[in-house]
């Protein structure tokens, strides 16, 4: 799964917004870093995430989508 999609499933948007609200002086840097991690032209599509599980384990967090 692409890293960007996985991070969105985990809630990176809400987490970045909360962090930016807590530290408004760093909001631009926080949103820039988020965009780099999830952007399709950047790490979001270039990097992949893989989850391994046994048949009896619950579905991995972020892999339902």
C-alpha atoms as a PDB file:
ATOM      1  CA  UNK A   1       0.000   0.000   0.000  1.00  0.00           C
ATOM      2  CA  UNK A   2       1.358   3.496  -0.729  1.00  0.00           C
ATOM      3  CA  UNK A   3       2.677   5.278   2.360  1.00  0.00           C
ATOM      4  CA  UNK A   4       0.468   8.324   1.753  1.00  0.00           C
ATOM      5  CA  UNK A   5      -2.764   6.340   1.731  1.00  0.00           C
ATOM      6  CA  UNK A   6      -1.740   4.410   4.832  1.00  0.00           C
ATOM      7  CA  UNK A   7      -0.849   7.563   6.762  1.00  0.00           C
ATOM      8  CA  UNK A   8      -4.182   9.122   5.779  1.00  0.00           C
ATOM      9  CA  UNK A   9      -5.976   6.014   7.041  1.00  0.00           C
ATOM     10  CA  UNK A  10      -4.132   6.469  10.356  1.00  0.00           C
ATOM     11  CA  UNK A  11      -5.315  10.080  10.578  1.00  0.00           C
ATOM     12  CA  UNK A  12      -2.230  12.105   9.698  1.00  0.00           C
ATOM     13  CA  UNK A  13      -4.402  15.059   8.600  1.00  0.00           C
ATOM     14  CA  UNK A  14      -6.082  15.424  11.997  1.00  0.00           C
ATOM     15  CA  UNK A  15      -2.829  14.832  13.852  1.00  0.00           C
ATOM     16  CA  UNK A  16      -0.960  17.462  11.846  1.00  0.00           C
ATOM     17  CA  UNK A  17      -3.806  19.953  12.329  1.00  0.00           C
ATOM     18  CA  UNK A  18      -3.820  19.352  16.084  1.00  0.00           C
ATOM     19  CA  UNK A  19      -0.059  19.748  16.298  1.00  0.00           C
ATOM     20  CA  UNK A  20      -0.179  22.950  14.224  1.00  0.00           C
ATOM     21  CA  UNK A  21      -2.908  24.342  16.483  1.00  0.00           C
ATOM     22  CA  UNK A  22      -0.774  23.570  19.539  1.00  0.00           C
ATOM     23  CA  UNK A  23       2.331  25.160  18.005  1.00  0.00           C
ATOM     24  CA  UNK A  24       1.086  27.780  15.507  1.00  0.00           C
ATOM     25  CA  UNK A  25       4.577  29.200  15.046  1.00  0.00           C
ATOM     26  CA  UNK A  26       5.522  25.854  13.418  1.00  0.00           C
ATOM     27  CA  UNK A  27       2.280  25.312  11.451  1.00  0.00           C
ATOM     28  CA  UNK A  28       3.840  25.930   8.032  1.00  0.00           C
ATOM     29  CA  UNK A  29       6.664  23.457   8.704  1.00  0.00           C
ATOM     30  CA  UNK A  30       4.240  20.855  10.075  1.00  0.00           C
ATOM     31  CA  UNK A  31       1.979  21.047   7.016  1.00  0.00           C
ATOM     32  CA  UNK A  32       4.970  21.008   4.682  1.00  0.00           C
ATOM     33  CA  UNK A  33       6.300  17.856   6.366  1.00  0.00           C
ATOM     34  CA  UNK A  34       2.849  16.239   6.183  1.00  0.00           C
ATOM     35  CA  UNK A  35       2.617  17.051   2.486  1.00  0.00           C
ATOM     36  CA  UNK A  36       6.054  15.523   1.881  1.00  0.00           C
ATOM     37  CA  UNK A  37       5.030  12.318   3.675  1.00  0.00           C
ATOM     38  CA  UNK A  38       1.696  11.858   1.887  1.00  0.00           C
ATOM     39  CA  UNK A  39       2.160  13.702  -1.428  1.00  0.00           C
ATOM     40  CA  UNK A  40       1.804  11.595  -4.571  1.00  0.00           C
ATOM     41  CA  UNK A  41       4.788  13.312  -6.176  1.00  0.00           C
ATOM     42  CA  UNK A  42       6.860  12.765  -3.077  1.00  0.00           C
ATOM     43  CA  UNK A  43       7.147  10.072  -0.395  1.00  0.00           C
ATOM     44  CA  UNK A  44       3.427   9.295  -0.346  1.00  0.00           C
ATOM     45  CA  UNK A  45       3.562   7.315  -3.565  1.00  0.00           C
ATOM     46  CA  UNK A  46       7.266   6.483  -3.743  1.00  0.00           C
ATOM     47  CA  UNK A  47       7.340   4.594  -0.427  1.00  0.00           C
ATOM     48  CA  UNK A  48       5.220   1.550   0.380  1.00  0.00           C
ATOM     49  CA  UNK A  49       3.932   0.039   3.608  1.00  0.00           C
ATOM     50  CA  UNK A  50       3.595  -3.689   4.122  1.00  0.00           C
ATOM     51  CA  UNK A  51       1.750  -5.444   6.905  1.00  0.00           C
ATOM     52  CA  UNK A  52       2.185  -9.087   7.847  1.00  0.00           C
ATOM     53  CA  UNK A  53      -0.289 -11.052   9.913  1.00  0.00           C
ATOM     54  CA  UNK A  54      -1.417 -14.553  10.718  1.00  0.00           C
ATOM     55  CA  UNK A  55      -4.905 -15.629   9.590  1.00  0.00           C
ATOM     56  CA  UNK A  56      -6.181 -15.504  13.176  1.00  0.00           C
ATOM     57  CA  UNK A  57      -4.921 -11.941  13.817  1.00  0.00           C
ATOM     58  CA  UNK A  58      -7.157  -8.885  13.418  1.00  0.00           C
ATOM     59  CA  UNK A  59      -6.794  -6.736  10.332  1.00  0.00           C
ATOM     60  CA  UNK A  60      -3.892  -4.290  10.554  1.00  0.00           C
ATOM     61  CA  UNK A  61      -4.604  -0.678  11.394  1.00  0.00           C
ATOM     62  CA  UNK A  62      -4.661   1.471   8.285  1.00  0.00           C
ATOM     63  CA  UNK A  63      -5.015  -1.444   5.886  1.00  0.00           C
ATOM     64  CA  UNK A  64      -8.828  -1.591   5.737  1.00  0.00           C
ATOM     65  CA  UNK A  65      -9.075   0.955   2.883  1.00  0.00           C
END
